[in-house]
Amino acid sequence: MGNKQERSRYGCIYLCYIPDRRELLFVISLGQVQKPLYGNIQLAYAFCIIMEYCVNKRQFISQSIVSFLLLGLGGSIYLLFRPKTLLMFKWIDTLGLSEYVDRLRDMVSDITLNHITLYSLPDGLWLASYIIVVNSIVSKNNKHNLLFWSLLLPFIAIVFEFLQIPGIIPGVYDVFDLICYIIPLIIYLIYLKYEKYI
C-alpha cells in the first residue's frame, strides 16, 4: 500500500491506495479538488466534493460570524454614541425599545469617542462586513464576477462621498470616511492576490 500527494493553490489531496487492486482507501481534501490521482476515480471524486463542501461550509459559517460581529460593532457605535436625532432612534421609539437603549447609553455615557471612531469607523466596519459576505457566497472560480460584487458597494460609497462635495448627495464630505472605505477594500484585494484568485 502506498500514498500519493498532489499540491495545488487550493491545498493538498492525499490518496492512499492498493496498487495491484487500484482501490481507494482514504482521501483527505484541504481545499478545492480538480481530480483524484489513483484508485476508484468516481468514489474519490465524490468524496473530495463532499470534503470540499464541508470545508467551504465551515468557512462560510466563520466568515458569517465575523461579518455579523463587524456589522454589530458598527451599529453599536451608532446606537450608543451617536446623537438621538438620527432616524434610527425614531424606529427604536416606534418599537418601544427607547427605554432599554437609554439605559445602555447611560452605562457608557462616560466614554468619549474621537471623531474618526464615532463618524467614520462604523461605515468602514459595515463595508468590511459586506466584503466578507461577498467573499463567502460568491464563487471564486469566476474572478470577474467576484470582483464585480466585491467592488460594487465600495465603489458606490466612494462615489457618493465625492458627490457630497458639490452637494449632489446630502451629507458632509469627510476624508476619513474615504480612508475607512478604502482600507478594507485594499486588504481584501491583497488577500485575493495572495490566494491567486485574481
Protein backbone atom coordinates (compact mmCIF):
# COMPACT_ATOMS: atom_id res chain seq x y z
CA MET A 1 0.00 0.00 0.00
CA GLY A 2 1.30 3.46 -0.81
CA ASN A 3 0.11 7.02 -0.88
CA LYS A 4 0.35 9.95 -3.23
CA GLN A 5 0.15 13.69 -2.57
CA GLU A 6 -0.70 16.46 -5.02
CA ARG A 7 -0.25 20.12 -4.12
CA SER A 8 -2.09 22.97 -5.78
CA ARG A 9 -3.02 26.53 -4.92
CA TYR A 10 -6.11 25.18 -3.19
CA GLY A 11 -4.37 22.84 -0.77
CA CYS A 12 -3.42 19.16 -0.72
CA ILE A 13 -5.02 15.90 -1.74
CA TYR A 14 -3.95 12.71 -0.02
CA LEU A 15 -4.91 9.39 -1.61
CA CYS A 16 -3.99 6.04 -0.07
CA TYR A 17 -4.49 3.07 -2.38
CA ILE A 18 -3.57 -0.53 -3.07
CA PRO A 19 -1.60 -0.52 -6.36
CA ASP A 20 -2.47 -4.03 -7.52
CA ARG A 21 -6.23 -3.60 -6.86
CA ARG A 22 -6.31 0.16 -7.59
CA GLU A 23 -8.76 0.51 -4.74
CA LEU A 24 -9.21 3.76 -2.85
CA LEU A 25 -8.81 3.54 0.91
CA PHE A 26 -8.67 7.10 2.20
CA VAL A 27 -8.91 10.68 0.93
CA ILE A 28 -8.35 13.98 2.68
CA SER A 29 -9.13 17.21 0.87
CA LEU A 30 -7.83 20.52 2.21
CA GLY A 31 -9.40 22.68 -0.43
CA GLN A 32 -10.86 22.54 -3.90
CA VAL A 33 -10.02 19.39 -5.87
CA GLN A 34 -9.51 19.15 -9.61
CA LYS A 35 -9.37 15.34 -9.85
CA PRO A 36 -8.07 12.41 -7.80
CA LEU A 37 -4.86 10.66 -8.76
CA TYR A 38 -5.41 6.96 -8.14
CA GLY A 39 -7.91 4.36 -7.03
CA ASN A 40 -11.61 4.32 -7.66
CA ILE A 41 -11.92 7.58 -9.59
CA GLN A 42 -15.67 8.06 -9.19
CA LEU A 43 -15.61 7.33 -5.47
CA ALA A 44 -12.56 9.52 -4.90
CA TYR A 45 -14.07 12.43 -6.82
CA ALA A 46 -17.36 12.16 -4.92
CA PHE A 47 -15.53 12.01 -1.59
CA CYS A 48 -13.41 15.02 -2.48
CA ILE A 49 -16.52 17.01 -3.40
CA ILE A 50 -18.05 16.16 -0.02
CA MET A 51 -14.86 17.19 1.78
CA GLU A 52 -14.72 20.43 -0.19
CA TYR A 53 -18.34 21.16 0.72
CA CYS A 54 -17.57 20.62 4.42
CA VAL A 55 -14.54 22.91 4.27
CA ASN A 56 -16.48 25.60 2.41
CA LYS A 57 -19.38 25.32 4.85
CA ARG A 58 -17.07 25.86 7.83
CA GLN A 59 -15.50 28.83 6.08
CA PHE A 60 -18.96 30.25 5.31
CA ILE A 61 -20.04 29.93 8.94
CA SER A 62 -16.85 31.51 10.31
CA GLN A 63 -16.94 34.35 7.80
CA SER A 64 -20.63 34.96 8.52
CA ILE A 65 -19.87 35.24 12.24
CA VAL A 66 -17.10 37.77 11.59
CA SER A 67 -19.38 39.71 9.24
CA PHE A 68 -22.18 39.94 11.82
CA LEU A 69 -19.70 40.98 14.52
CA LEU A 70 -18.41 43.84 12.35
CA LEU A 71 -21.96 44.83 11.48
CA GLY A 72 -22.98 44.73 15.15
CA LEU A 73 -19.94 46.73 16.25
CA GLY A 74 -20.66 49.47 13.73
CA GLY A 75 -24.32 49.51 14.75
CA SER A 76 -23.40 49.66 18.44
CA ILE A 77 -21.37 52.82 17.88
CA TYR A 78 -24.41 54.43 16.27
CA LEU A 79 -26.76 53.11 18.91
CA LEU A 80 -24.72 54.08 21.97
CA PHE A 81 -22.83 57.21 20.97
CA ARG A 82 -24.44 58.99 18.03
CA PRO A 83 -26.98 61.80 18.60
CA LYS A 84 -30.58 60.70 19.05
CA THR A 85 -31.69 62.96 16.22
CA LEU A 86 -30.90 60.16 13.76
CA LEU A 87 -33.81 58.44 12.03
CA MET A 88 -32.92 55.07 13.57
CA PHE A 89 -33.90 56.34 17.02
CA LYS A 90 -37.42 57.09 15.73
CA TRP A 91 -37.66 53.46 14.65
CA ILE A 92 -36.43 52.36 18.06
CA ASP A 93 -39.06 54.53 19.73
CA THR A 94 -41.75 53.07 17.47
CA LEU A 95 -40.68 49.57 18.52
CA GLY A 96 -40.90 50.58 22.18
CA LEU A 97 -37.21 50.00 22.81
CA SER A 98 -36.21 53.53 23.75
CA GLU A 99 -36.12 52.78 27.48
CA TYR A 100 -33.64 49.91 27.03
CA VAL A 101 -31.47 51.90 24.64
CA ASP A 102 -31.40 54.84 27.06
CA ARG A 103 -30.18 52.55 29.83
CA LEU A 104 -27.37 51.29 27.63
CA ARG A 105 -26.42 54.80 26.61
CA ASP A 106 -26.32 55.86 30.28
CA MET A 107 -23.94 52.98 31.05
CA VAL A 108 -21.40 54.26 28.51
CA SER A 109 -22.05 57.97 28.95
CA ASP A 110 -18.58 58.48 30.47
CA ILE A 111 -16.86 57.10 27.37
CA THR A 112 -15.81 59.64 24.77
CA LEU A 113 -15.02 58.57 21.22
CA ASN A 114 -12.91 60.60 18.82
CA HIS A 115 -14.30 61.93 15.54
CA ILE A 116 -12.97 59.10 13.35
CA THR A 117 -14.28 56.33 15.62
CA LEU A 118 -17.65 57.97 16.02
CA TYR A 119 -18.39 59.09 12.46
CA SER A 120 -16.13 57.20 10.05
CA LEU A 121 -15.27 53.83 11.57
CA PRO A 122 -18.85 52.42 11.51
CA ASP A 123 -19.05 52.90 7.74
CA GLY A 124 -15.74 51.11 7.30
CA LEU A 125 -16.92 48.24 9.53
CA TRP A 126 -20.13 47.87 7.54
CA LEU A 127 -18.21 47.90 4.28
CA ALA A 128 -15.83 45.24 5.61
CA SER A 129 -18.86 43.19 6.67
CA TYR A 130 -20.26 43.42 3.13
CA ILE A 131 -16.95 42.35 1.57
CA ILE A 132 -16.72 39.31 3.85
CA VAL A 133 -20.29 38.28 2.96
CA VAL A 134 -19.49 38.57 -0.75
CA ASN A 135 -16.32 36.53 -0.26
CA SER A 136 -18.28 33.78 1.49
CA ILE A 137 -21.10 33.41 -1.05
CA VAL A 138 -19.64 34.32 -4.46
CA SER A 139 -17.71 31.61 -6.29
CA LYS A 140 -14.01 32.32 -6.70
CA ASN A 141 -13.87 30.35 -9.94
CA ASN A 142 -15.13 33.42 -11.80
CA LYS A 143 -12.81 36.27 -10.86
CA HIS A 144 -14.76 38.85 -12.87
CA ASN A 145 -17.98 38.04 -11.03
CA LEU A 146 -16.14 38.06 -7.69
CA LEU A 147 -14.51 41.44 -8.37
CA PHE A 148 -17.79 42.95 -9.57
CA TRP A 149 -19.71 42.12 -6.41
CA SER A 150 -16.73 42.87 -4.16
CA LEU A 151 -16.20 46.32 -5.65
CA LEU A 152 -19.85 47.26 -6.14
CA LEU A 153 -20.71 48.69 -2.72
CA PRO A 154 -17.23 50.20 -2.05
CA PHE A 155 -17.39 51.94 -5.44
CA ILE A 156 -20.86 53.33 -4.71
CA ALA A 157 -19.78 54.51 -1.25
CA ILE A 158 -16.67 56.26 -2.60
CA VAL A 159 -18.59 57.93 -5.45
CA PHE A 160 -21.32 59.11 -3.08
CA GLU A 161 -18.68 60.55 -0.74
CA PHE A 162 -17.20 62.64 -3.56
CA LEU A 163 -20.68 63.73 -4.69
CA GLN A 164 -21.17 65.29 -1.25
CA ILE A 165 -18.54 67.93 -2.12
CA PRO A 166 -20.76 69.79 -4.65
CA GLY A 167 -23.88 68.94 -2.66
CA ILE A 168 -25.33 66.49 -5.21
CA ILE A 169 -25.67 63.92 -2.43
CA PRO A 170 -26.76 65.16 1.03
CA GLY A 171 -24.11 64.83 3.69
CA VAL A 172 -20.74 66.19 4.70
CA TYR A 173 -17.62 65.11 2.80
CA ASP A 174 -15.04 63.58 5.13
CA VAL A 175 -11.64 62.31 4.03
CA PHE A 176 -11.64 59.88 6.96
CA ASP A 177 -14.79 58.30 5.56
CA LEU A 178 -12.88 57.66 2.34
CA ILE A 179 -9.97 56.16 4.25
CA CYS A 180 -12.32 53.81 6.13
CA TYR A 181 -13.88 52.77 2.81
CA ILE A 182 -10.56 52.16 1.08
CA ILE A 183 -8.66 50.29 3.82
CA PRO A 184 -10.88 47.14 3.94
CA LEU A 185 -11.03 47.15 0.14
CA ILE A 186 -7.23 47.23 -0.18
CA ILE A 187 -6.86 44.48 2.43
CA TYR A 188 -9.33 42.29 0.55
CA LEU A 189 -7.64 42.84 -2.82
CA ILE A 190 -4.28 41.93 -1.26
CA TYR A 191 -5.89 38.75 0.11
CA LEU A 192 -7.30 37.85 -3.32
CA LYS A 193 -3.93 38.46 -4.92
CA TYR A 194 -2.12 36.42 -2.27
CA GLU A 195 -4.54 33.50 -2.73
CA LYS A 196 -4.15 33.88 -6.52
CA TYR A 197 -7.86 34.41 -7.10
CA ILE A 198 -7.04 37.45 -9.24
